[in-house]
Amino acid sequence: MRCLVLGGRGFIGSHLVDALLTKGYRVRCFDRRRVTQQGEFHITDQRFELFEGDFMNEADVANALEGCDICYHLISTTLPKSSNDDPVFDVESNLLGSVRLLTNAVKAGVRKVVFVSSGGTVYGVPTQVPIPETHMNNPVCSYGITKLAIEKYLDLFYKLHGLDYTVLRLANPFGEGQKTHASQGAVAVFLGKVLQGETIDIWGDGSVIRDYVYIDDVVRAFLAVLEYSGPEHIFNIGSGRGLSINEVLDSIERVTGRPVLRHYVSGRPFDVPSNILCISRAETELGWSPRFSFEDGILRFAKWLNY
């Protein structure tokens, strides 16, 4: 079986490519040219192919899909906090690009598409916590609306063309390979600043609660859906527990033994107060549950950063 990983050079994608190769699958990685590589020790593996192209170029995507059985769609051109600044770009680059992807996946005879959605944004402000997959969807940012729209098109193509799909609504993944100077990934940014002795700006009073899941557990979920043929198409993938920003910083302080320099600033309107994902469906249907505690993940990440 050949698996195509769209965005295979990114943080999550590079871990997934490695895991698929380790499991014995043939893997095709698709990403932009000149994207910083995350290691790619597998570049000489006979089962690995690298396709460079533009997700917005339909010919590039169609070429990458040819001969593939499974397509992992990890590409996103926007971030939650920036998507509202230009929703037209968000829709054009992500939604339209994904619909073209699905159209070409049907033509290429792809068996299943696995899409990375956002457990942190598609639900909006939750009315219950932990949040089950059946919770109403009321996103408060364009990023979440676009992710939800792509989920709906996946279901449409399943009904119209029989293209199977799985949606993984991720919490906040963290771990080795994540950039510490990027504009997303709070844990990585915080850890990087602590190790450098820099002050951390905290939006609001630090009480905002999020669900954080270690990258190895995320990848195990990606592998678990490969052969899944049960009745469910949407799964929350998180730790099933929440941590406030202050608790995250306290944990980093304990693990590293270094003081956290904190600077509190005004909160952001798109930050919902609490987001914790219910993961019972994944536990029941996929036999998946997280193996790493938050502090175990932080310790492994910090060691990778040579703290």
C-alpha atoms as a PDB file:
ATOM      1  CA  MET A   1       0.000   0.000   0.000  1.00  0.00           C
ATOM      2  CA  ARG A   2       1.289   3.455  -0.902  1.00  0.00           C
ATOM      3  CA  CYS A   3       0.465   6.367   1.399  1.00  0.00           C
ATOM      4  CA  LEU A   4       0.645   9.985   0.269  1.00  0.00           C
ATOM      5  CA  VAL A   5       1.411  12.514   3.016  1.00  0.00           C
ATOM      6  CA  LEU A   6       0.516  16.054   1.984  1.00  0.00           C
ATOM      7  CA  GLY A   7       2.683  18.311   4.121  1.00  0.00           C
ATOM      8  CA  GLY A   8       5.090  15.478   4.863  1.00  0.00           C
ATOM      9  CA  ARG A   9       8.011  17.762   5.682  1.00  0.00           C
ATOM     10  CA  GLY A  10       6.197  19.567   8.477  1.00  0.00           C
ATOM     11  CA  PHE A  11       6.218  18.838  12.192  1.00  0.00           C
ATOM     12  CA  ILE A  12       3.433  16.233  12.195  1.00  0.00           C
ATOM     13  CA  GLY A  13       4.036  15.052   8.643  1.00  0.00           C
ATOM     14  CA  SER A  14       7.699  14.180   9.141  1.00  0.00           C
ATOM     15  CA  HIS A  15       6.870  12.032  12.171  1.00  0.00           C
ATOM     16  CA  LEU A  16       4.088  10.337  10.209  1.00  0.00           C
ATOM     17  CA  VAL A  17       6.332   9.611   7.220  1.00  0.00           C
ATOM     18  CA  ASP A  18       8.898   7.984   9.500  1.00  0.00           C
ATOM     19  CA  ALA A  19       6.250   5.897  11.264  1.00  0.00           C
ATOM     20  CA  LEU A  20       4.692   4.681   8.010  1.00  0.00           C
ATOM     21  CA  LEU A  21       8.072   3.638   6.654  1.00  0.00           C
ATOM     22  CA  THR A  22       8.867   1.851   9.903  1.00  0.00           C
ATOM     23  CA  LYS A  23       5.591  -0.071   9.523  1.00  0.00           C
ATOM     24  CA  GLY A  24       6.609  -1.173   6.040  1.00  0.00           C
ATOM     25  CA  TYR A  25       4.385   1.049   3.883  1.00  0.00           C
ATOM     26  CA  ARG A  26       5.473   2.795   0.730  1.00  0.00           C
ATOM     27  CA  VAL A  27       5.370   6.530   1.359  1.00  0.00           C
ATOM     28  CA  ARG A  28       5.146   9.519  -0.958  1.00  0.00           C
ATOM     29  CA  CYS A  29       5.820  12.898   0.639  1.00  0.00           C
ATOM     30  CA  PHE A  30       4.367  16.020  -0.985  1.00  0.00           C
ATOM     31  CA  ASP A  31       5.430  19.480   0.124  1.00  0.00           C
ATOM     32  CA  ARG A  32       6.522  22.848  -1.142  1.00  0.00           C
ATOM     33  CA  ARG A  33       9.924  23.395  -2.656  1.00  0.00           C
ATOM     34  CA  ARG A  34      12.548  24.867  -0.359  1.00  0.00           C
ATOM     35  CA  VAL A  35      10.624  23.879   2.756  1.00  0.00           C
ATOM     36  CA  THR A  36      12.988  23.244   5.673  1.00  0.00           C
ATOM     37  CA  GLN A  37      13.425  19.503   5.959  1.00  0.00           C
ATOM     38  CA  GLN A  38      12.788  17.727   9.252  1.00  0.00           C
ATOM     39  CA  GLY A  39      15.701  15.318   9.062  1.00  0.00           C
ATOM     40  CA  GLU A  40      14.639  13.025   6.208  1.00  0.00           C
ATOM     41  CA  PHE A  41      17.077  10.271   7.176  1.00  0.00           C
ATOM     42  CA  HIS A  42      14.818   8.044   5.080  1.00  0.00           C
ATOM     43  CA  ILE A  43      15.696   9.841   1.841  1.00  0.00           C
ATOM     44  CA  THR A  44      17.629   6.774   0.623  1.00  0.00           C
ATOM     45  CA  ASP A  45      14.831   4.344   1.531  1.00  0.00           C
ATOM     46  CA  GLN A  46      13.610   2.527  -1.590  1.00  0.00           C
ATOM     47  CA  ARG A  47      10.014   2.870  -0.363  1.00  0.00           C
ATOM     48  CA  PHE A  48      10.196   6.669  -0.035  1.00  0.00           C
ATOM     49  CA  GLU A  49       9.339   9.201  -2.736  1.00  0.00           C
ATOM     50  CA  LEU A  50       9.571  12.982  -2.519  1.00  0.00           C
ATOM     51  CA  PHE A  51       7.244  15.087  -4.646  1.00  0.00           C
ATOM     52  CA  GLU A  52       7.775  18.855  -4.498  1.00  0.00           C
ATOM     53  CA  GLY A  53       4.970  21.115  -5.634  1.00  0.00           C
ATOM     54  CA  ASP A  54       2.291  23.648  -4.784  1.00  0.00           C
ATOM     55  CA  PHE A  55      -0.953  22.565  -3.123  1.00  0.00           C
ATOM     56  CA  MET A  56      -2.750  25.259  -5.113  1.00  0.00           C
ATOM     57  CA  ASN A  57      -1.467  23.802  -8.386  1.00  0.00           C
ATOM     58  CA  GLU A  58      -3.996  21.160  -9.391  1.00  0.00           C
ATOM     59  CA  ALA A  59      -1.571  19.401 -11.731  1.00  0.00           C
ATOM     60  CA  ASP A  60       0.999  19.026  -8.952  1.00  0.00           C
ATOM     61  CA  VAL A  61      -1.570  17.504  -6.602  1.00  0.00           C
ATOM     62  CA  ALA A  62      -3.020  15.201  -9.281  1.00  0.00           C
ATOM     63  CA  ASN A  63       0.477  13.958 -10.096  1.00  0.00           C
ATOM     64  CA  ALA A  64       1.192  13.238  -6.413  1.00  0.00           C
ATOM     65  CA  LEU A  65      -2.083  11.295  -6.012  1.00  0.00           C
ATOM     66  CA  GLU A  66      -1.432   8.959  -8.923  1.00  0.00           C
ATOM     67  CA  GLY A  67      -0.973   5.381  -7.739  1.00  0.00           C
ATOM     68  CA  CYS A  68      -1.690   6.102  -4.064  1.00  0.00           C
ATOM     69  CA  ASP A  69      -4.118   4.146  -1.872  1.00  0.00           C
ATOM     70  CA  ILE A  70      -4.287   6.456   1.168  1.00  0.00           C
ATOM     71  CA  CYS A  71      -3.944  10.241   1.276  1.00  0.00           C
ATOM     72  CA  TYR A  72      -3.111  12.039   4.520  1.00  0.00           C
ATOM     73  CA  HIS A  73      -4.105  15.700   4.161  1.00  0.00           C
ATOM     74  CA  LEU A  74      -2.033  17.735   6.638  1.00  0.00           C
ATOM     75  CA  ILE A  75      -1.684  20.963   4.666  1.00  0.00           C
ATOM     76  CA  SER A  76      -3.013  24.262   5.987  1.00  0.00           C
ATOM     77  CA  THR A  77      -1.990  27.692   4.728  1.00  0.00           C
ATOM     78  CA  THR A  78      -3.398  29.674   7.672  1.00  0.00           C
ATOM     79  CA  LEU A  79      -3.385  29.777  11.475  1.00  0.00           C
ATOM     80  CA  PRO A  80      -6.347  30.260  13.832  1.00  0.00           C
ATOM     81  CA  LYS A  81      -5.144  33.661  14.994  1.00  0.00           C
ATOM     82  CA  SER A  82      -4.421  34.985  11.479  1.00  0.00           C
ATOM     83  CA  SER A  83      -7.278  33.435   9.497  1.00  0.00           C
ATOM     84  CA  ASN A  84      -9.774  36.191  10.333  1.00  0.00           C
ATOM     85  CA  ASP A  85      -7.405  38.793   8.883  1.00  0.00           C
ATOM     86  CA  ASP A  86      -7.938  37.411   5.375  1.00  0.00           C
ATOM     87  CA  PRO A  87     -10.804  34.906   5.228  1.00  0.00           C
ATOM     88  CA  VAL A  88     -10.852  35.081   1.421  1.00  0.00           C
ATOM     89  CA  PHE A  89      -7.305  33.696   1.280  1.00  0.00           C
ATOM     90  CA  ASP A  90      -8.241  31.080   3.874  1.00  0.00           C
ATOM     91  CA  VAL A  91     -11.148  29.856   1.747  1.00  0.00           C
ATOM     92  CA  GLU A  92      -9.336  30.047  -1.581  1.00  0.00           C
ATOM     93  CA  SER A  93      -6.177  28.286  -0.456  1.00  0.00           C
ATOM     94  CA  ASN A  94      -7.585  25.713   1.963  1.00  0.00           C
ATOM     95  CA  LEU A  95     -11.213  24.988   1.072  1.00  0.00           C
ATOM     96  CA  LEU A  96     -10.991  25.244  -2.711  1.00  0.00           C
ATOM     97  CA  GLY A  97      -7.628  23.472  -2.691  1.00  0.00           C
ATOM     98  CA  SER A  98      -9.112  20.627  -0.673  1.00  0.00           C
ATOM     99  CA  VAL A  99     -12.151  20.254  -2.943  1.00  0.00           C
ATOM    100  CA  ARG A 100      -9.812  20.027  -5.940  1.00  0.00           C
ATOM    101  CA  LEU A 101      -7.819  17.429  -4.005  1.00  0.00           C
ATOM    102  CA  LEU A 102     -10.913  15.312  -3.428  1.00  0.00           C
ATOM    103  CA  THR A 103     -11.946  15.592  -7.073  1.00  0.00           C
ATOM    104  CA  ASN A 104      -8.550  14.333  -8.188  1.00  0.00           C
ATOM    105  CA  ALA A 105      -8.470  11.652  -5.478  1.00  0.00           C
ATOM    106  CA  VAL A 106     -11.634  10.144  -6.982  1.00  0.00           C
ATOM    107  CA  LYS A 107     -10.080  10.226 -10.462  1.00  0.00           C
ATOM    108  CA  ALA A 108      -6.900   8.573  -9.171  1.00  0.00           C
ATOM    109  CA  GLY A 109      -8.780   5.790  -7.399  1.00  0.00           C
ATOM    110  CA  VAL A 110      -7.577   6.721  -3.919  1.00  0.00           C
ATOM    111  CA  ARG A 111      -9.207   4.501  -1.311  1.00  0.00           C
ATOM    112  CA  LYS A 112      -9.279   6.793   1.716  1.00  0.00           C
ATOM    113  CA  VAL A 113      -8.465  10.385   2.706  1.00  0.00           C
ATOM    114  CA  VAL A 114      -7.383  11.113   6.274  1.00  0.00           C
ATOM    115  CA  PHE A 115      -7.854  14.789   7.086  1.00  0.00           C
ATOM    116  CA  VAL A 116      -6.321  16.692   9.978  1.00  0.00           C
ATOM    117  CA  SER A 117      -9.001  18.959  11.387  1.00  0.00           C
ATOM    118  CA  SER A 118      -8.933  21.168  14.460  1.00  0.00           C
ATOM    119  CA  GLY A 119     -10.409  20.019  17.751  1.00  0.00           C
ATOM    120  CA  GLY A 120      -9.507  23.404  19.159  1.00  0.00           C
ATOM    121  CA  THR A 121     -11.550  25.525  16.734  1.00  0.00           C
ATOM    122  CA  VAL A 122     -14.382  23.597  15.004  1.00  0.00           C
ATOM    123  CA  TYR A 123     -16.519  23.471  18.168  1.00  0.00           C
ATOM    124  CA  GLY A 124     -16.271  27.142  19.154  1.00  0.00           C
ATOM    125  CA  VAL A 125     -17.193  27.952  22.738  1.00  0.00           C
ATOM    126  CA  PRO A 126     -18.142  24.585  24.263  1.00  0.00           C
ATOM    127  CA  THR A 127     -21.361  24.018  26.172  1.00  0.00           C
ATOM    128  CA  GLN A 128     -19.895  20.884  27.760  1.00  0.00           C
ATOM    129  CA  VAL A 129     -16.388  19.723  28.637  1.00  0.00           C
ATOM    130  CA  PRO A 130     -14.845  17.342  27.667  1.00  0.00           C
ATOM    131  CA  ILE A 131     -16.206  17.964  24.173  1.00  0.00           C
ATOM    132  CA  PRO A 132     -17.598  14.940  22.290  1.00  0.00           C
ATOM    133  CA  GLU A 133     -17.619  14.688  18.498  1.00  0.00           C
ATOM    134  CA  THR A 134     -21.414  15.153  18.610  1.00  0.00           C
ATOM    135  CA  HIS A 135     -21.069  18.632  20.120  1.00  0.00           C
ATOM    136  CA  MET A 136     -22.502  21.446  17.985  1.00  0.00           C
ATOM    137  CA  ASN A 137     -20.058  23.233  15.696  1.00  0.00           C
ATOM    138  CA  ASN A 138     -19.904  27.001  16.003  1.00  0.00           C
ATOM    139  CA  PRO A 139     -16.364  28.163  15.137  1.00  0.00           C
ATOM    140  CA  VAL A 140     -15.347  31.706  16.066  1.00  0.00           C
ATOM    141  CA  CYS A 141     -12.517  31.979  13.509  1.00  0.00           C
ATOM    142  CA  SER A 142     -12.246  31.464   9.765  1.00  0.00           C
ATOM    143  CA  TYR A 143      -9.717  28.667  10.318  1.00  0.00           C
ATOM    144  CA  GLY A 144     -12.311  26.597  12.173  1.00  0.00           C
ATOM    145  CA  ILE A 145     -15.051  27.365   9.654  1.00  0.00           C
ATOM    146  CA  THR A 146     -12.835  26.259   6.771  1.00  0.00           C
ATOM    147  CA  LYS A 147     -11.798  23.070   8.561  1.00  0.00           C
ATOM    148  CA  LEU A 148     -15.448  22.262   9.199  1.00  0.00           C
ATOM    149  CA  ALA A 149     -16.373  22.960   5.568  1.00  0.00           C
ATOM    150  CA  ILE A 150     -13.661  20.566   4.381  1.00  0.00           C
ATOM    151  CA  GLU A 151     -15.098  17.915   6.718  1.00  0.00           C
ATOM    152  CA  LYS A 152     -18.509  18.418   5.074  1.00  0.00           C
ATOM    153  CA  TYR A 153     -17.049  18.041   1.590  1.00  0.00           C
ATOM    154  CA  LEU A 154     -15.309  14.842   2.658  1.00  0.00           C
ATOM    155  CA  ASP A 155     -18.691  13.456   3.658  1.00  0.00           C
ATOM    156  CA  LEU A 156     -20.238  14.656   0.398  1.00  0.00           C
ATOM    157  CA  PHE A 157     -17.570  12.913  -1.703  1.00  0.00           C
ATOM    158  CA  TYR A 158     -18.058   9.767   0.387  1.00  0.00           C
ATOM    159  CA  LYS A 159     -21.779   9.778  -0.412  1.00  0.00           C
ATOM    160  CA  LEU A 160     -21.400  10.774  -4.055  1.00  0.00           C
ATOM    161  CA  HIS A 161     -18.314   8.785  -5.054  1.00  0.00           C
ATOM    162  CA  GLY A 162     -17.631   6.257  -2.286  1.00  0.00           C
ATOM    163  CA  LEU A 163     -14.347   7.965  -1.328  1.00  0.00           C
ATOM    164  CA  ASP A 164     -13.767   6.779   2.239  1.00  0.00           C
ATOM    165  CA  TYR A 165     -12.480   9.280   4.769  1.00  0.00           C
ATOM    166  CA  THR A 166     -11.447   9.808   8.367  1.00  0.00           C
ATOM    167  CA  VAL A 167     -11.317  13.161  10.139  1.00  0.00           C
ATOM    168  CA  LEU A 168      -8.948  13.530  13.074  1.00  0.00           C
ATOM    169  CA  ARG A 169      -9.835  16.570  15.167  1.00  0.00           C
ATOM    170  CA  LEU A 170      -6.516  17.184  16.868  1.00  0.00           C
ATOM    171  CA  ALA A 171      -5.963  18.928  20.149  1.00  0.00           C
ATOM    172  CA  ASN A 172      -2.629  20.772  20.512  1.00  0.00           C
ATOM    173  CA  PRO A 173       0.227  18.464  19.455  1.00  0.00           C
ATOM    174  CA  PHE A 174       3.757  19.039  20.725  1.00  0.00           C
ATOM    175  CA  GLY A 175       7.106  17.303  20.665  1.00  0.00           C
ATOM    176  CA  GLU A 176      10.422  16.822  18.933  1.00  0.00           C
ATOM    177  CA  GLY A 177      10.788  18.604  15.619  1.00  0.00           C
ATOM    178  CA  GLN A 178       8.367  21.396  16.465  1.00  0.00           C
ATOM    179  CA  LYS A 179       9.781  24.863  15.873  1.00  0.00           C
ATOM    180  CA  THR A 180      10.378  26.916  19.018  1.00  0.00           C
ATOM    181  CA  HIS A 181      10.289  30.232  17.161  1.00  0.00           C
ATOM    182  CA  ALA A 182       7.115  29.701  15.125  1.00  0.00           C
ATOM    183  CA  SER A 183       3.792  31.513  15.368  1.00  0.00           C
ATOM    184  CA  GLN A 184       1.941  28.426  16.581  1.00  0.00           C
ATOM    185  CA  GLY A 185       2.579  25.640  19.058  1.00  0.00           C
ATOM    186  CA  ALA A 186       2.455  27.242  22.500  1.00  0.00           C
ATOM    187  CA  VAL A 187       4.317  24.420  24.250  1.00  0.00           C
ATOM    188  CA  ALA A 188       7.256  24.578  21.821  1.00  0.00           C
ATOM    189  CA  VAL A 189       7.451  28.363  21.986  1.00  0.00           C
ATOM    190  CA  PHE A 190       7.248  28.376  25.784  1.00  0.00           C
ATOM    191  CA  LEU A 191       9.855  25.633  26.150  1.00  0.00           C
ATOM    192  CA  GLY A 192      12.221  27.380  23.749  1.00  0.00           C
ATOM    193  CA  LYS A 193      11.951  30.665  25.636  1.00  0.00           C
ATOM    194  CA  VAL A 194      12.461  29.015  29.016  1.00  0.00           C
ATOM    195  CA  LEU A 195      15.587  27.226  27.805  1.00  0.00           C
ATOM    196  CA  GLN A 196      16.908  30.530  26.451  1.00  0.00           C
ATOM    197  CA  GLY A 197      16.028  32.443  29.626  1.00  0.00           C
ATOM    198  CA  GLU A 198      13.574  34.689  27.752  1.00  0.00           C
ATOM    199  CA  THR A 199      10.355  36.227  29.067  1.00  0.00           C
ATOM    200  CA  ILE A 200       7.073  34.644  27.964  1.00  0.00           C
ATOM    201  CA  ASP A 201       4.119  36.836  26.978  1.00  0.00           C
ATOM    202  CA  ILE A 202       0.878  35.283  28.226  1.00  0.00           C
ATOM    203  CA  TRP A 203      -2.440  36.319  26.707  1.00  0.00           C
ATOM    204  CA  GLY A 204      -4.870  37.075  29.537  1.00  0.00           C
ATOM    205  CA  ASP A 205      -4.348  35.810  33.073  1.00  0.00           C
ATOM    206  CA  GLY A 206      -3.099  32.358  32.095  1.00  0.00           C
ATOM    207  CA  SER A 207      -6.357  30.601  32.975  1.00  0.00           C
ATOM    208  CA  VAL A 208      -7.217  29.565  29.395  1.00  0.00           C
ATOM    209  CA  ILE A 209      -7.412  25.758  29.350  1.00  0.00           C
ATOM    210  CA  ARG A 210      -6.305  23.604  26.433  1.00  0.00           C
ATOM    211  CA  ASP A 211      -5.778  19.935  25.635  1.00  0.00           C
ATOM    212  CA  TYR A 212      -2.174  19.003  24.769  1.00  0.00           C
ATOM    213  CA  VAL A 213      -1.143  15.710  23.175  1.00  0.00           C
ATOM    214  CA  TYR A 214       2.369  14.368  22.571  1.00  0.00           C
ATOM    215  CA  ILE A 215       3.412  13.792  18.957  1.00  0.00           C
ATOM    216  CA  ASP A 216       4.074  10.042  19.324  1.00  0.00           C
ATOM    217  CA  ASP A 217       0.487   9.556  20.490  1.00  0.00           C
ATOM    218  CA  VAL A 218      -0.790  11.621  17.560  1.00  0.00           C
ATOM    219  CA  VAL A 219       1.101   9.457  15.067  1.00  0.00           C
ATOM    220  CA  ARG A 220      -0.267   6.281  16.649  1.00  0.00           C
ATOM    221  CA  ALA A 221      -3.765   7.620  15.973  1.00  0.00           C
ATOM    222  CA  PHE A 222      -2.838   8.264  12.338  1.00  0.00           C
ATOM    223  CA  LEU A 223      -1.698   4.661  12.002  1.00  0.00           C
ATOM    224  CA  ALA A 224      -4.773   3.317  13.790  1.00  0.00           C
ATOM    225  CA  VAL A 225      -7.163   4.704  11.150  1.00  0.00           C
ATOM    226  CA  LEU A 226      -5.333   3.108   8.203  1.00  0.00           C
ATOM    227  CA  GLU A 227      -7.323  -0.112   8.265  1.00  0.00           C
ATOM    228  CA  TYR A 228     -10.323   1.104  10.259  1.00  0.00           C
ATOM    229  CA  SER A 229     -13.602   0.251   8.532  1.00  0.00           C
ATOM    230  CA  GLY A 230     -16.101   0.883  11.316  1.00  0.00           C
ATOM    231  CA  PRO A 231     -19.098   3.228  11.264  1.00  0.00           C
ATOM    232  CA  GLU A 232     -17.405   6.407  12.537  1.00  0.00           C
ATOM    233  CA  HIS A 233     -15.615   8.982  10.395  1.00  0.00           C
ATOM    234  CA  ILE A 234     -14.718  11.693  12.923  1.00  0.00           C
ATOM    235  CA  PHE A 235     -12.440  11.254  15.940  1.00  0.00           C
ATOM    236  CA  ASN A 236     -11.168  13.614  18.605  1.00  0.00           C
ATOM    237  CA  ILE A 237      -7.469  13.043  19.253  1.00  0.00           C
ATOM    238  CA  GLY A 238      -6.186  14.614  22.450  1.00  0.00           C
ATOM    239  CA  SER A 239      -5.123  13.783  25.974  1.00  0.00           C
ATOM    240  CA  GLY A 240      -8.642  13.910  27.393  1.00  0.00           C
ATOM    241  CA  ARG A 241      -7.525  16.352  30.075  1.00  0.00           C
ATOM    242  CA  GLY A 242      -6.970  20.079  30.162  1.00  0.00           C
ATOM    243  CA  LEU A 243      -4.169  22.283  31.410  1.00  0.00           C
ATOM    244  CA  SER A 244      -4.254  26.036  31.905  1.00  0.00           C
ATOM    245  CA  ILE A 245      -1.425  28.116  30.477  1.00  0.00           C
ATOM    246  CA  ASN A 246      -0.197  28.653  34.023  1.00  0.00           C
ATOM    247  CA  GLU A 247      -0.164  24.879  34.628  1.00  0.00           C
ATOM    248  CA  VAL A 248       1.759  24.321  31.387  1.00  0.00           C
ATOM    249  CA  LEU A 249       4.401  26.797  32.517  1.00  0.00           C
ATOM    250  CA  ASP A 250       4.533  25.244  35.978  1.00  0.00           C
ATOM    251  CA  SER A 251       5.170  21.827  34.373  1.00  0.00           C
ATOM    252  CA  ILE A 252       7.935  23.205  32.161  1.00  0.00           C
ATOM    253  CA  GLU A 253       9.495  24.768  35.230  1.00  0.00           C
ATOM    254  CA  ARG A 254       9.433  21.445  37.107  1.00  0.00           C
ATOM    255  CA  VAL A 255      10.797  19.392  34.210  1.00  0.00           C
ATOM    256  CA  THR A 256      13.615  21.760  33.229  1.00  0.00           C
ATOM    257  CA  GLY A 257      14.438  23.078  36.690  1.00  0.00           C
ATOM    258  CA  ARG A 258      14.582  26.577  35.208  1.00  0.00           C
ATOM    259  CA  PRO A 259      12.500  29.601  36.226  1.00  0.00           C
ATOM    260  CA  VAL A 260       9.746  30.796  33.900  1.00  0.00           C
ATOM    261  CA  LEU A 261       9.755  34.554  33.358  1.00  0.00           C
ATOM    262  CA  ARG A 262       6.108  35.534  32.841  1.00  0.00           C
ATOM    263  CA  HIS A 263       4.603  38.705  31.383  1.00  0.00           C
ATOM    264  CA  TYR A 264       0.812  38.909  31.255  1.00  0.00           C
ATOM    265  CA  VAL A 265      -0.844  40.932  28.461  1.00  0.00           C
ATOM    266  CA  SER A 266      -4.434  41.515  27.328  1.00  0.00           C
ATOM    267  CA  GLY A 267      -6.397  38.443  26.251  1.00  0.00           C
ATOM    268  CA  ARG A 268      -7.471  37.681  22.679  1.00  0.00           C
ATOM    269  CA  PRO A 269     -11.146  37.598  21.610  1.00  0.00           C
ATOM    270  CA  PHE A 270     -10.870  34.312  19.668  1.00  0.00           C
ATOM    271  CA  ASP A 271      -9.455  32.339  22.616  1.00  0.00           C
ATOM    272  CA  VAL A 272     -12.273  30.220  24.076  1.00  0.00           C
ATOM    273  CA  PRO A 273     -11.936  29.806  27.873  1.00  0.00           C
ATOM    274  CA  SER A 274     -11.683  26.007  27.877  1.00  0.00           C
ATOM    275  CA  ASN A 275     -11.200  23.300  25.260  1.00  0.00           C
ATOM    276  CA  ILE A 276     -10.766  19.674  26.330  1.00  0.00           C
ATOM    277  CA  LEU A 277     -11.580  16.853  23.927  1.00  0.00           C
ATOM    278  CA  CYS A 278     -13.529  13.730  24.833  1.00  0.00           C
ATOM    279  CA  ILE A 279     -11.538  10.825  23.360  1.00  0.00           C
ATOM    280  CA  SER A 280     -13.812   7.910  24.272  1.00  0.00           C
ATOM    281  CA  ARG A 281     -14.838   7.302  20.636  1.00  0.00           C
ATOM    282  CA  ALA A 282     -11.197   6.830  19.586  1.00  0.00           C
ATOM    283  CA  GLU A 283     -10.620   4.577  22.582  1.00  0.00           C
ATOM    284  CA  THR A 284     -13.612   2.401  21.724  1.00  0.00           C
ATOM    285  CA  GLU A 285     -13.443   2.319  17.921  1.00  0.00           C
ATOM    286  CA  LEU A 286      -9.707   2.552  17.262  1.00  0.00           C
ATOM    287  CA  GLY A 287      -8.346   0.976  20.426  1.00  0.00           C
ATOM    288  CA  TRP A 288      -6.269   4.146  20.796  1.00  0.00           C
ATOM    289  CA  SER A 289      -5.458   6.135  23.899  1.00  0.00           C
ATOM    290  CA  PRO A 290      -2.526   8.405  24.780  1.00  0.00           C
ATOM    291  CA  ARG A 291       0.449   6.698  26.397  1.00  0.00           C
ATOM    292  CA  PHE A 292       2.488   9.744  27.374  1.00  0.00           C
ATOM    293  CA  SER A 293       1.681  12.166  30.163  1.00  0.00           C
ATOM    294  CA  PHE A 294       2.201  15.867  29.512  1.00  0.00           C
ATOM    295  CA  GLU A 295       5.355  15.998  31.618  1.00  0.00           C
ATOM    296  CA  ASP A 296       6.763  12.848  29.969  1.00  0.00           C
ATOM    297  CA  GLY A 297       6.344  14.542  26.611  1.00  0.00           C
ATOM    298  CA  ILE A 298       7.920  17.762  27.862  1.00  0.00           C
ATOM    299  CA  LEU A 299      10.922  15.840  29.189  1.00  0.00           C
ATOM    300  CA  ARG A 300      11.476  14.048  25.867  1.00  0.00           C
ATOM    301  CA  PHE A 301      11.039  17.319  23.931  1.00  0.00           C
ATOM    302  CA  ALA A 302      13.443  19.194  26.225  1.00  0.00           C
ATOM    303  CA  LYS A 303      16.087  16.465  25.895  1.00  0.00           C
ATOM    304  CA  TRP A 304      15.759  16.654  22.107  1.00  0.00           C
ATOM    305  CA  LEU A 305      16.440  20.397  22.402  1.00  0.00           C
ATOM    306  CA  ASN A 306      19.573  19.566  24.436  1.00  0.00           C
ATOM    307  CA  TYR A 307      18.542  21.500  27.518  1.00  0.00           C
END
